Amino acid sequence: MSNSVILLIGRILLSVMFIMSGLQKFGGIEGTAGYIGSVGLPAATALAWLAAIFETVAGIAILVGFQTKIAALLLAGFCVFAGYVFHFQPEDQMQMISFMKNLTIAGGFLALYVSGPGALSLDARGGKLATA
């Protein structure tokens, strides 16, 4: 299997969770805002909307390979931030597993940042949907 195909599979696997999570937030923004507020962050409703939009758009960017390095770096930071704020609870093993998963996903995004999206991406086509 070529590196470009492997990178495409990696982008698909990294993006699906964020696209689905972002879309799901749109349908339950109040619940997301409540969860954000429960950890003491201000402007929970605004942050919930921002998270929904960011996760969806950045996830789609990773999926199609558009502005991949920027999206990967932003998502890596998002994973570290969200992991620390929502899951870093050393006394709770399940929360620490979630925290470590967030760090692991961030590592995947950093690897994608370094490698780039591969040939099967919009970035490789100069951002164009199709070639002439």
Protein backbone atom coordinates (compact mmCIF):
# COMPACT_ATOMS: atom_id res chain seq x y z
CA MET A 1 0.00 0.00 0.00
CA SER A 2 1.38 3.43 -0.89
CA ASN A 3 2.20 6.10 1.67
CA SER A 4 -0.48 8.34 0.16
CA VAL A 5 -3.15 5.70 0.72
CA ILE A 6 -1.94 5.14 4.28
CA LEU A 7 -2.02 8.90 4.95
CA LEU A 8 -5.56 9.06 3.52
CA ILE A 9 -6.67 6.23 5.82
CA GLY A 10 -4.99 8.01 8.74
CA ARG A 11 -6.75 11.27 7.87
CA ILE A 12 -10.09 9.48 7.68
CA LEU A 13 -9.54 7.81 11.06
CA LEU A 14 -8.42 11.07 12.69
CA SER A 15 -11.24 13.14 11.20
CA VAL A 16 -14.34 11.00 11.74
CA MET A 17 -14.51 11.51 15.50
CA PHE A 18 -14.26 15.30 15.19
CA ILE A 19 -16.79 15.59 12.38
CA MET A 20 -19.29 13.40 14.23
CA SER A 21 -18.66 15.13 17.57
CA GLY A 22 -19.03 18.58 16.04
CA LEU A 23 -22.25 17.69 14.24
CA GLN A 24 -23.64 16.08 17.38
CA LYS A 25 -22.94 19.24 19.36
CA PHE A 26 -25.15 21.24 16.97
CA GLY A 27 -28.08 19.04 17.98
CA GLY A 28 -27.47 19.42 21.70
CA ILE A 29 -25.70 22.71 22.24
CA GLU A 30 -27.32 23.20 25.66
CA GLY A 31 -25.86 19.92 26.95
CA THR A 32 -22.43 20.82 25.60
CA ALA A 33 -22.66 24.27 27.18
CA GLY A 34 -23.63 22.67 30.48
CA TYR A 35 -20.62 20.36 30.36
CA ILE A 36 -18.30 23.26 29.51
CA GLY A 37 -19.78 25.33 32.32
CA SER A 38 -19.39 22.45 34.78
CA VAL A 39 -15.60 22.82 34.67
CA GLY A 40 -15.81 26.54 35.33
CA LEU A 41 -15.13 27.93 31.87
CA PRO A 42 -16.91 31.23 31.16
CA ALA A 43 -19.25 31.92 28.23
CA ALA A 44 -20.15 28.24 28.01
CA THR A 45 -22.80 28.66 25.30
CA ALA A 46 -20.46 30.65 23.05
CA LEU A 47 -17.68 28.11 23.64
CA ALA A 48 -20.07 25.27 22.83
CA TRP A 49 -20.92 26.86 19.48
CA LEU A 50 -17.24 27.53 18.77
CA ALA A 51 -16.35 23.93 19.62
CA ALA A 52 -19.12 22.58 17.37
CA ILE A 53 -18.03 24.73 14.44
CA PHE A 54 -14.31 24.13 15.00
CA GLU A 55 -14.56 20.36 15.35
CA THR A 56 -16.76 20.05 12.25
CA VAL A 57 -14.74 22.38 10.01
CA ALA A 58 -11.31 21.22 11.16
CA GLY A 59 -12.42 17.58 10.90
CA ILE A 60 -13.60 18.09 7.33
CA ALA A 61 -10.34 19.90 6.50
CA ILE A 62 -8.35 16.89 7.74
CA LEU A 63 -10.64 14.48 5.88
CA VAL A 64 -10.24 16.16 2.49
CA GLY A 65 -6.67 17.29 3.11
CA PHE A 66 -7.28 21.03 2.90
CA GLN A 67 -4.94 23.30 4.87
CA THR A 68 -3.99 20.07 6.57
CA LYS A 69 -0.97 21.27 8.49
CA ILE A 70 -2.85 24.20 10.02
CA ALA A 71 -5.88 22.04 10.89
CA ALA A 72 -3.66 19.31 12.35
CA LEU A 73 -1.75 21.75 14.54
CA LEU A 74 -4.97 23.39 15.77
CA LEU A 75 -6.59 20.03 16.49
CA ALA A 76 -3.49 18.85 18.37
CA GLY A 77 -3.74 21.91 20.59
CA PHE A 78 -7.49 21.39 21.00
CA CYS A 79 -6.91 17.79 22.11
CA VAL A 80 -4.30 18.75 24.68
CA PHE A 81 -6.44 21.61 26.02
CA ALA A 82 -9.66 19.57 26.16
CA GLY A 83 -7.87 16.59 27.65
CA TYR A 84 -6.34 18.66 30.42
CA VAL A 85 -9.44 20.75 31.20
CA PHE A 86 -12.04 17.97 31.03
CA HIS A 87 -10.18 14.75 31.82
CA PHE A 88 -7.06 15.38 33.90
CA GLN A 89 -8.25 13.86 37.16
CA PRO A 90 -5.43 11.68 38.56
CA GLU A 91 -7.75 10.16 41.17
CA ASP A 92 -10.12 8.82 38.47
CA GLN A 93 -8.62 6.08 36.29
CA MET A 94 -11.30 6.34 33.58
CA GLN A 95 -10.80 10.09 33.23
CA MET A 96 -7.04 9.60 33.05
CA ILE A 97 -7.53 7.05 30.26
CA SER A 98 -9.56 9.68 28.38
CA PHE A 99 -6.81 12.23 29.07
CA MET A 100 -4.17 9.87 27.68
CA LYS A 101 -6.32 9.18 24.61
CA ASN A 102 -6.53 12.92 23.97
CA LEU A 103 -2.74 13.15 24.17
CA THR A 104 -2.42 10.18 21.81
CA ILE A 105 -4.74 11.79 19.26
CA ALA A 106 -2.73 15.02 19.58
CA GLY A 107 0.37 12.98 18.75
CA GLY A 108 -1.32 11.66 15.62
CA PHE A 109 -2.15 15.20 14.54
CA LEU A 110 1.44 16.32 15.17
CA ALA A 111 2.68 13.44 13.00
CA LEU A 112 0.24 14.54 10.29
CA TYR A 113 1.50 18.11 10.67
CA VAL A 114 5.06 16.93 10.01
CA SER A 115 4.23 14.49 7.21
CA GLY A 116 1.60 16.53 5.41
CA PRO A 117 -1.58 15.05 3.94
CA GLY A 118 -0.08 13.02 1.10
CA ALA A 119 -0.88 13.03 -2.59
CA LEU A 120 -4.55 12.11 -2.13
CA SER A 121 -5.54 15.51 -0.77
CA LEU A 122 -6.72 18.94 -1.83
CA ASP A 123 -3.45 20.39 -0.58
CA ALA A 124 -1.57 18.24 -3.10
CA ARG A 125 -3.85 19.54 -5.85
CA GLY A 126 -3.26 23.15 -4.91
CA GLY A 127 -6.57 23.32 -3.02
CA LYS A 128 -8.64 22.46 -6.09
CA LEU A 129 -11.45 19.93 -6.05
CA ALA A 130 -10.56 18.54 -9.45
CA THR A 131 -7.75 18.89 -11.94
CA ALA A 132 -8.38 20.02 -15.48
